[in-house]
PDB file of N, CA and C in Angstrom:
ATOM      1  N   MET A   1       0.840  -1.211   0.230  1.00  0.00           N
ATOM      2  CA  MET A   1       0.076  -0.218  -0.099  1.00  0.00           C
ATOM      3  C   MET A   1       1.292   1.334   0.043  1.00  0.00           C
ATOM      4  N   GLU A   2       1.772   1.641   0.603  1.00  0.00           N
ATOM      5  CA  GLU A   2       3.267   2.325   0.645  1.00  0.00           C
ATOM      6  C   GLU A   2       3.515   2.661  -0.310  1.00  0.00           C
ATOM      7  N   THR A   3       3.927   1.780  -1.248  1.00  0.00           N
ATOM      8  CA  THR A   3       4.238   2.597  -2.843  1.00  0.00           C
ATOM      9  C   THR A   3       3.489   2.717  -3.861  1.00  0.00           C
ATOM     10  N   GLN A   4       2.544   2.260  -3.382  1.00  0.00           N
ATOM     11  CA  GLN A   4       0.988   2.712  -4.636  1.00  0.00           C
ATOM     12  C   GLN A   4       0.811   4.142  -4.327  1.00  0.00           C
ATOM     13  N   ILE A   5       1.177   4.973  -2.775  1.00  0.00           N
ATOM     14  CA  ILE A   5       0.997   6.384  -3.139  1.00  0.00           C
ATOM     15  C   ILE A   5       1.351   7.059  -4.422  1.00  0.00           C
ATOM     16  N   PRO A   6       2.826   7.136  -3.950  1.00  0.00           N
ATOM     17  CA  PRO A   6       3.986   7.772  -5.172  1.00  0.00           C
ATOM     18  C   PRO A   6       4.160   7.847  -5.733  1.00  0.00           C
ATOM     19  N   THR A   7       2.931   6.400  -6.546  1.00  0.00           N
ATOM     20  CA  THR A   7       2.777   6.089  -7.555  1.00  0.00           C
ATOM     21  C   THR A   7       0.788   6.796  -8.339  1.00  0.00           C
ATOM     22  N   ILE A   8       0.160   6.949  -7.040  1.00  0.00           N
ATOM     23  CA  ILE A   8      -0.787   7.353  -7.675  1.00  0.00           C
ATOM     24  C   ILE A   8      -0.876   9.520  -7.545  1.00  0.00           C
ATOM     25  N   ALA A   9       0.390   9.788  -6.941  1.00  0.00           N
ATOM     26  CA  ALA A   9       0.150  10.713  -6.805  1.00  0.00           C
ATOM     27  C   ALA A   9       1.040  11.443  -8.108  1.00  0.00           C
ATOM     28  N   LEU A  10       2.463  10.935  -8.595  1.00  0.00           N
ATOM     29  CA  LEU A  10       2.521  10.698  -9.819  1.00  0.00           C
ATOM     30  C   LEU A  10       2.110  10.853 -10.785  1.00  0.00           C
ATOM     31  N   SER A  11       1.512  10.074 -10.821  1.00  0.00           N
ATOM     32  CA  SER A  11       0.048   9.776 -12.422  1.00  0.00           C
ATOM     33  C   SER A  11      -0.678  11.012 -11.970  1.00  0.00           C
ATOM     34  N   GLY A  12      -1.313  11.454 -10.828  1.00  0.00           N
ATOM     35  CA  GLY A  12      -2.228  12.689 -10.700  1.00  0.00           C
ATOM     36  C   GLY A  12      -1.744  13.724 -11.365  1.00  0.00           C
ATOM     37  N   LEU A  13       0.063  13.797 -10.737  1.00  0.00           N
ATOM     38  CA  LEU A  13       0.568  14.918 -11.653  1.00  0.00           C
ATOM     39  C   LEU A  13       0.872  15.145 -12.601  1.00  0.00           C
ATOM     40  N   THR A  14       1.167  13.767 -13.125  1.00  0.00           N
ATOM     41  CA  THR A  14       1.090  13.583 -14.292  1.00  0.00           C
ATOM     42  C   THR A  14      -0.135  14.093 -15.703  1.00  0.00           C
ATOM     43  N   ALA A  15      -1.060  13.687 -15.122  1.00  0.00           N
ATOM     44  CA  ALA A  15      -2.655  13.990 -15.933  1.00  0.00           C
ATOM     45  C   ALA A  15      -2.486  15.407 -15.713  1.00  0.00           C
ATOM     46  N   LEU A  16      -2.029  16.526 -14.634  1.00  0.00           N
ATOM     47  CA  LEU A  16      -2.061  16.831 -14.157  1.00  0.00           C
ATOM     48  C   LEU A  16      -1.561  18.322 -15.529  1.00  0.00           C
ATOM     49  N   ALA A  17      -1.145  17.631 -15.596  1.00  0.00           N
ATOM     50  CA  ALA A  17       0.603  18.497 -15.867  1.00  0.00           C
ATOM     51  C   ALA A  17      -0.208  18.160 -17.549  1.00  0.00           C
ATOM     52  N   MET A  18      -0.498  17.236 -18.376  1.00  0.00           N
ATOM     53  CA  MET A  18      -0.859  17.807 -19.254  1.00  0.00           C
ATOM     54  C   MET A  18      -2.221  17.973 -19.985  1.00  0.00           C
ATOM     55  N   LEU A  19      -3.436  17.998 -18.903  1.00  0.00           N
ATOM     56  CA  LEU A  19      -4.528  18.940 -18.882  1.00  0.00           C
ATOM     57  C   LEU A  19      -3.673  19.945 -18.868  1.00  0.00           C
ATOM     58  N   THR A  20      -2.583  20.941 -18.107  1.00  0.00           N
ATOM     59  CA  THR A  20      -2.748  22.023 -18.125  1.00  0.00           C
ATOM     60  C   THR A  20      -1.585  22.523 -19.107  1.00  0.00           C
ATOM     61  N   GLY A  21      -1.181  21.251 -19.836  1.00  0.00           N
ATOM     62  CA  GLY A  21      -0.602  21.836 -21.838  1.00  0.00           C
ATOM     63  C   GLY A  21      -1.797  21.524 -22.340  1.00  0.00           C
ATOM     64  N   ALA A  22      -2.904  20.610 -22.568  1.00  0.00           N
ATOM     65  CA  ALA A  22      -3.389  21.142 -23.280  1.00  0.00           C
ATOM     66  C   ALA A  22      -4.361  22.369 -23.606  1.00  0.00           C
ATOM     67  N   GLY A  23      -4.430  23.016 -22.044  1.00  0.00           N
ATOM     68  CA  GLY A  23      -5.394  23.965 -21.672  1.00  0.00           C
ATOM     69  C   GLY A  23      -4.837  25.375 -22.433  1.00  0.00           C
ATOM     70  N   LEU A  24      -3.029  25.284 -22.178  1.00  0.00           N
ATOM     71  CA  LEU A  24      -2.217  26.643 -22.413  1.00  0.00           C
ATOM     72  C   LEU A  24      -2.147  26.394 -24.370  1.00  0.00           C
ATOM     73  N   ARG A  25      -2.386  24.835 -24.917  1.00  0.00           N
ATOM     74  CA  ARG A  25      -2.055  24.981 -26.655  1.00  0.00           C
ATOM     75  C   ARG A  25      -3.810  25.525 -26.421  1.00  0.00           C
ATOM     76  N   GLY A  26      -4.541  25.564 -26.266  1.00  0.00           N
ATOM     77  CA  GLY A  26      -5.697  25.918 -26.616  1.00  0.00           C
ATOM     78  C   GLY A  26      -5.421  27.257 -26.533  1.00  0.00           C
ATOM     79  N   TRP A  27      -5.376  27.584 -25.306  1.00  0.00           N
ATOM     80  CA  TRP A  27      -5.456  29.629 -25.275  1.00  0.00           C
ATOM     81  C   TRP A  27      -4.432  30.121 -26.680  1.00  0.00           C
ATOM     82  N   HIS A  28      -3.476  29.385 -26.544  1.00  0.00           N
ATOM     83  CA  HIS A  28      -3.054  30.482 -27.487  1.00  0.00           C
ATOM     84  C   HIS A  28      -3.148  29.673 -28.361  1.00  0.00           C
ATOM     85  N   GLY A  29      -3.778  28.308 -29.661  1.00  0.00           N
ATOM     86  CA  GLY A  29      -5.061  28.872 -30.790  1.00  0.00           C
ATOM     87  C   GLY A  29      -5.496  29.801 -30.555  1.00  0.00           C
ATOM     88  N   TRP A  30      -6.480  30.214 -29.531  1.00  0.00           N
ATOM     89  CA  TRP A  30      -7.384  31.092 -29.767  1.00  0.00           C
ATOM     90  C   TRP A  30      -7.743  32.323 -30.192  1.00  0.00           C
ATOM     91  N   LEU A  31      -5.751  32.463 -29.107  1.00  0.00           N
ATOM     92  CA  LEU A  31      -5.594  34.052 -29.123  1.00  0.00           C
ATOM     93  C   LEU A  31      -4.741  33.946 -30.699  1.00  0.00           C
ATOM     94  N   ALA A  32      -4.673  32.809 -31.169  1.00  0.00           N
ATOM     95  CA  ALA A  32      -4.162  33.304 -32.433  1.00  0.00           C
ATOM     96  C   ALA A  32      -5.480  33.641 -33.686  1.00  0.00           C
ATOM     97  N   LEU A  33      -6.303  33.005 -33.497  1.00  0.00           N
ATOM     98  CA  LEU A  33      -7.938  33.274 -33.946  1.00  0.00           C
ATOM     99  C   LEU A  33      -7.920  34.528 -33.593  1.00  0.00           C
ATOM    100  N   LYS A  34      -7.963  35.262 -32.548  1.00  0.00           N
ATOM    101  CA  LYS A  34      -8.729  36.113 -32.388  1.00  0.00           C
ATOM    102  C   LYS A  34      -7.844  37.104 -32.926  1.00  0.00           C
ATOM    103  N   HIS A  35      -6.332  37.370 -33.090  1.00  0.00           N
ATOM    104  CA  HIS A  35      -5.712  38.020 -34.008  1.00  0.00           C
ATOM    105  C   HIS A  35      -5.744  38.037 -35.578  1.00  0.00           C
ATOM    106  N   ARG A  36      -5.686  36.787 -35.685  1.00  0.00           N
ATOM    107  CA  ARG A  36      -6.707  37.028 -37.024  1.00  0.00           C
ATOM    108  C   ARG A  36      -7.996  37.569 -37.846  1.00  0.00           C
ATOM    109  N   GLU A  37      -8.873  37.460 -36.706  1.00  0.00           N
ATOM    110  CA  GLU A  37      -9.734  37.944 -36.759  1.00  0.00           C
ATOM    111  C   GLU A  37     -10.014  38.999 -36.794  1.00  0.00           C
ATOM    112  N   LEU A  38      -9.174  40.121 -36.208  1.00  0.00           N
ATOM    113  CA  LEU A  38      -8.348  41.757 -35.694  1.00  0.00           C
ATOM    114  C   LEU A  38      -7.824  42.360 -36.746  1.00  0.00           C
ATOM    115  N   GLU A  39      -7.214  41.035 -37.359  1.00  0.00           N
ATOM    116  CA  GLU A  39      -6.197  41.425 -38.977  1.00  0.00           C
ATOM    117  C   GLU A  39      -7.244  41.919 -39.752  1.00  0.00           C
ATOM    118  N   ALA A  40      -8.083  41.196 -39.692  1.00  0.00           N
ATOM    119  CA  ALA A  40      -8.702  40.597 -41.319  1.00  0.00           C
ATOM    120  C   ALA A  40      -9.875  42.234 -41.289  1.00  0.00           C
ATOM    121  N   ALA A  41     -10.007  42.105 -39.947  1.00  0.00           N
ATOM    122  CA  ALA A  41     -11.184  43.175 -39.986  1.00  0.00           C
ATOM    123  C   ALA A  41     -10.622  44.708 -39.574  1.00  0.00           C
ATOM    124  N   GLY A  42      -9.001  44.611 -39.721  1.00  0.00           N
ATOM    125  CA  GLY A  42      -8.241  45.704 -39.851  1.00  0.00           C
ATOM    126  C   GLY A  42      -8.591  46.176 -38.460  1.00  0.00           C
ATOM    127  N   ASN A  43      -8.783  45.968 -37.019  1.00  0.00           N
ATOM    128  CA  ASN A  43      -8.696  46.693 -36.315  1.00  0.00           C
ATOM    129  C   ASN A  43      -7.138  46.416 -35.320  1.00  0.00           C
ATOM    130  N   LEU A  44      -6.576  46.051 -35.712  1.00  0.00           N
ATOM    131  CA  LEU A  44      -4.849  45.681 -35.216  1.00  0.00           C
ATOM    132  C   LEU A  44      -5.143  46.846 -34.346  1.00  0.00           C
ATOM    133  N   PRO A  45      -4.175  46.823 -33.479  1.00  0.00           N
ATOM    134  CA  PRO A  45      -4.246  47.975 -32.642  1.00  0.00           C
ATOM    135  C   PRO A  45      -2.193  48.782 -33.432  1.00  0.00           C
ATOM    136  N   GLY A  46      -2.335  49.151 -33.335  1.00  0.00           N
ATOM    137  CA  GLY A  46      -1.121  49.761 -33.624  1.00  0.00           C
ATOM    138  C   GLY A  46      -1.124  49.328 -35.637  1.00  0.00           C
ATOM    139  N   SER A  47      -1.985  49.055 -36.263  1.00  0.00           N
ATOM    140  CA  SER A  47      -1.903  48.828 -36.992  1.00  0.00           C
ATOM    141  C   SER A  47      -1.947  50.527 -37.902  1.00  0.00           C
ATOM    142  N   THR A  48      -1.356  50.368 -39.855  1.00  0.00           N
ATOM    143  CA  THR A  48      -0.946  51.990 -40.186  1.00  0.00           C
ATOM    144  C   THR A  48      -2.176  52.388 -40.641  1.00  0.00           C
ATOM    145  N   ASP A  49      -2.948  51.326 -41.479  1.00  0.00           N
ATOM    146  CA  ASP A  49      -4.500  51.530 -41.587  1.00  0.00           C
ATOM    147  C   ASP A  49      -6.010  51.782 -40.838  1.00  0.00           C
ATOM    148  N   ALA A  50      -5.954  53.465 -42.006  1.00  0.00           N
ATOM    149  CA  ALA A  50      -6.905  54.171 -40.745  1.00  0.00           C
ATOM    150  C   ALA A  50      -8.155  53.743 -40.774  1.00  0.00           C
ATOM    151  N   PRO A  51      -8.895  53.016 -39.516  1.00  0.00           N
ATOM    152  CA  PRO A  51      -9.773  52.897 -39.361  1.00  0.00           C
ATOM    153  C   PRO A  51     -10.888  52.996 -40.098  1.00  0.00           C
ATOM    154  N   HIS A  52     -12.131  52.771 -40.691  1.00  0.00           N
ATOM    155  CA  HIS A  52     -12.635  53.081 -42.099  1.00  0.00           C
ATOM    156  C   HIS A  52     -13.996  53.693 -40.675  1.00  0.00           C
ATOM    157  N   PRO A  53     -14.452  55.250 -41.336  1.00  0.00           N
ATOM    158  CA  PRO A  53     -14.932  55.982 -40.465  1.00  0.00           C
ATOM    159  C   PRO A  53     -16.367  55.106 -39.753  1.00  0.00           C
ATOM    160  N   PRO A  54     -16.871  55.411 -39.230  1.00  0.00           N
ATOM    161  CA  PRO A  54     -18.258  54.746 -38.815  1.00  0.00           C
ATOM    162  C   PRO A  54     -19.558  54.982 -39.723  1.00  0.00           C
ATOM    163  N   SER A  55     -20.609  53.785 -40.274  1.00  0.00           N
ATOM    164  CA  SER A  55     -21.695  54.624 -40.886  1.00  0.00           C
ATOM    165  C   SER A  55     -22.332  55.167 -40.755  1.00  0.00           C
ATOM    166  N   ALA A  56     -23.776  55.805 -41.848  1.00  0.00           N
ATOM    167  CA  ALA A  56     -24.635  56.920 -41.500  1.00  0.00           C
ATOM    168  C   ALA A  56     -25.438  56.226 -39.781  1.00  0.00           C
ATOM    169  N   THR A  57     -26.374  54.654 -40.802  1.00  0.00           N
ATOM    170  CA  THR A  57     -26.547  54.647 -39.535  1.00  0.00           C
ATOM    171  C   THR A  57     -25.952  54.190 -38.471  1.00  0.00           C
ATOM    172  N   ALA A  58     -24.888  54.045 -38.396  1.00  0.00           N
ATOM    173  CA  ALA A  58     -23.833  53.651 -36.392  1.00  0.00           C
ATOM    174  C   ALA A  58     -23.905  55.150 -35.558  1.00  0.00           C
ATOM    175  N   ARG A  59     -23.808  56.240 -36.962  1.00  0.00           N
ATOM    176  CA  ARG A  59     -23.698  57.386 -36.133  1.00  0.00           C
ATOM    177  C   ARG A  59     -25.496  57.499 -35.690  1.00  0.00           C
ATOM    178  N   ILE A  60     -26.588  57.068 -36.347  1.00  0.00           N
ATOM    179  CA  ILE A  60     -27.554  57.953 -35.879  1.00  0.00           C
ATOM    180  C   ILE A  60     -27.801  57.173 -34.681  1.00  0.00           C
ATOM    181  N   GLU A  61     -27.449  55.769 -34.820  1.00  0.00           N
ATOM    182  CA  GLU A  61     -27.940  54.991 -33.512  1.00  0.00           C
ATOM    183  C   GLU A  61     -26.979  55.640 -32.265  1.00  0.00           C
ATOM    184  N   ILE A  62     -26.009  55.613 -32.098  1.00  0.00           N
ATOM    185  CA  ILE A  62     -25.246  56.425 -31.362  1.00  0.00           C
ATOM    186  C   ILE A  62     -25.547  57.951 -30.562  1.00  0.00           C
ATOM    187  N   ALA A  63     -26.313  58.579 -31.927  1.00  0.00           N
ATOM    188  CA  ALA A  63     -26.868  59.784 -31.739  1.00  0.00           C
ATOM    189  C   ALA A  63     -28.146  59.304 -30.196  1.00  0.00           C
ATOM    190  N   ASP A  64     -28.677  58.773 -30.989  1.00  0.00           N
ATOM    191  CA  ASP A  64     -29.890  58.169 -30.286  1.00  0.00           C
ATOM    192  C   ASP A  64     -29.584  57.321 -29.160  1.00  0.00           C
ATOM    193  N   LEU A  65     -29.051  56.635 -28.776  1.00  0.00           N
ATOM    194  CA  LEU A  65     -28.279  56.119 -27.639  1.00  0.00           C
ATOM    195  C   LEU A  65     -28.230  56.983 -26.341  1.00  0.00           C
ATOM    196  N   LYS A  66     -27.140  57.883 -27.175  1.00  0.00           N
ATOM    197  CA  LYS A  66     -27.069  59.543 -26.403  1.00  0.00           C
ATOM    198  C   LYS A  66     -28.284  59.780 -26.002  1.00  0.00           C
ATOM    199  N   GLU A  67     -28.787  60.066 -27.185  1.00  0.00           N
ATOM    200  CA  GLU A  67     -30.605  60.819 -26.296  1.00  0.00           C
ATOM    201  C   GLU A  67     -31.125  60.402 -25.029  1.00  0.00           C
ATOM    202  N   ARG A  68     -30.991  59.063 -25.475  1.00  0.00           N
ATOM    203  CA  ARG A  68     -31.444  58.471 -24.630  1.00  0.00           C
ATOM    204  C   ARG A  68     -30.699  57.960 -23.117  1.00  0.00           C
ATOM    205  N   ILE A  69     -29.940  58.341 -23.233  1.00  0.00           N
ATOM    206  CA  ILE A  69     -29.192  58.184 -21.453  1.00  0.00           C
ATOM    207  C   ILE A  69     -29.119  59.660 -21.533  1.00  0.00           C
ATOM    208  N   ARG A  70     -29.159  61.033 -21.594  1.00  0.00           N
ATOM    209  CA  ARG A  70     -29.315  62.071 -21.549  1.00  0.00           C
ATOM    210  C   ARG A  70     -30.556  62.435 -21.055  1.00  0.00           C
ATOM    211  N   LYS A  71     -31.795  61.510 -21.230  1.00  0.00           N
ATOM    212  CA  LYS A  71     -32.885  61.410 -20.908  1.00  0.00           C
ATOM    213  C   LYS A  71     -33.404  60.801 -19.513  1.00  0.00           C
ATOM    214  N   LEU A  72     -32.747  59.562 -19.618  1.00  0.00           N
ATOM    215  CA  LEU A  72     -32.480  58.955 -18.313  1.00  0.00           C
ATOM    216  C   LEU A  72     -31.705  59.612 -16.964  1.00  0.00           C
ATOM    217  N   GLU A  73     -30.881  60.149 -17.490  1.00  0.00           N
ATOM    218  CA  GLU A  73     -29.876  60.810 -16.447  1.00  0.00           C
ATOM    219  C   GLU A  73     -30.694  62.344 -16.144  1.00  0.00           C
ATOM    220  N   ALA A  74     -31.923  62.875 -16.911  1.00  0.00           N
ATOM    221  CA  ALA A  74     -32.478  63.960 -16.110  1.00  0.00           C
ATOM    222  C   ALA A  74     -33.438  63.137 -15.431  1.00  0.00           C
ATOM    223  N   ILE A  75     -34.124  61.861 -15.901  1.00  0.00           N
ATOM    224  CA  ILE A  75     -35.082  61.578 -15.167  1.00  0.00           C
ATOM    225  C   ILE A  75     -34.168  61.360 -13.774  1.00  0.00           C
ATOM    226  N   ALA A  76     -33.252  60.436 -13.579  1.00  0.00           N
ATOM    227  CA  ALA A  76     -32.625  60.023 -12.594  1.00  0.00           C
ATOM    228  C   ALA A  76     -32.361  61.796 -11.250  1.00  0.00           C
ATOM    229  N   ALA A  77     -32.325  62.574 -12.040  1.00  0.00           N
ATOM    230  CA  ALA A  77     -31.787  63.793 -11.350  1.00  0.00           C
ATOM    231  C   ALA A  77     -33.295  64.492 -10.673  1.00  0.00           C
ATOM    232  N   GLY A  78     -34.649  63.726 -11.513  1.00  0.00           N
ATOM    233  CA  GLY A  78     -35.898  64.779 -10.912  1.00  0.00           C
ATOM    234  C   GLY A  78     -36.319  65.369 -12.104  1.00  0.00           C
ATOM    235  N   VAL A  79     -35.443  65.972 -12.870  1.00  0.00           N
ATOM    236  CA  VAL A  79     -35.624  66.976 -13.724  1.00  0.00           C
ATOM    237  C   VAL A  79     -36.797  66.781 -14.606  1.00  0.00           C
ATOM    238  N   ASP A  80     -38.050  67.643 -15.011  1.00  0.00           N
ATOM    239  CA  ASP A  80     -39.099  67.249 -15.882  1.00  0.00           C
ATOM    240  C   ASP A  80     -38.476  68.080 -17.055  1.00  0.00           C
ATOM    241  N   LEU A  81     -38.996  67.010 -18.670  1.00  0.00           N
ATOM    242  CA  LEU A  81     -38.208  66.938 -19.438  1.00  0.00           C
ATOM    243  C   LEU A  81     -39.417  68.199 -20.562  1.00  0.00           C
TER     244      LEU A  81
END
């Protein structure tokens, strides 16, 4: 029984090391995928290409959201609009 304890402990550590290695390999793969996605979209930090300006629809949506935020802040402050 005493000789089984080190064997079990060693097996457990080996399994943990294998799982950790597999997890790190997956993490690096996921980071590489996200890097390629950012490169394809042209949003990679430090890239020399200028980002495309937002479309008119996006600007309208942002303006609408800002107006809603102003209204909610006025309601929270107790101001009648």
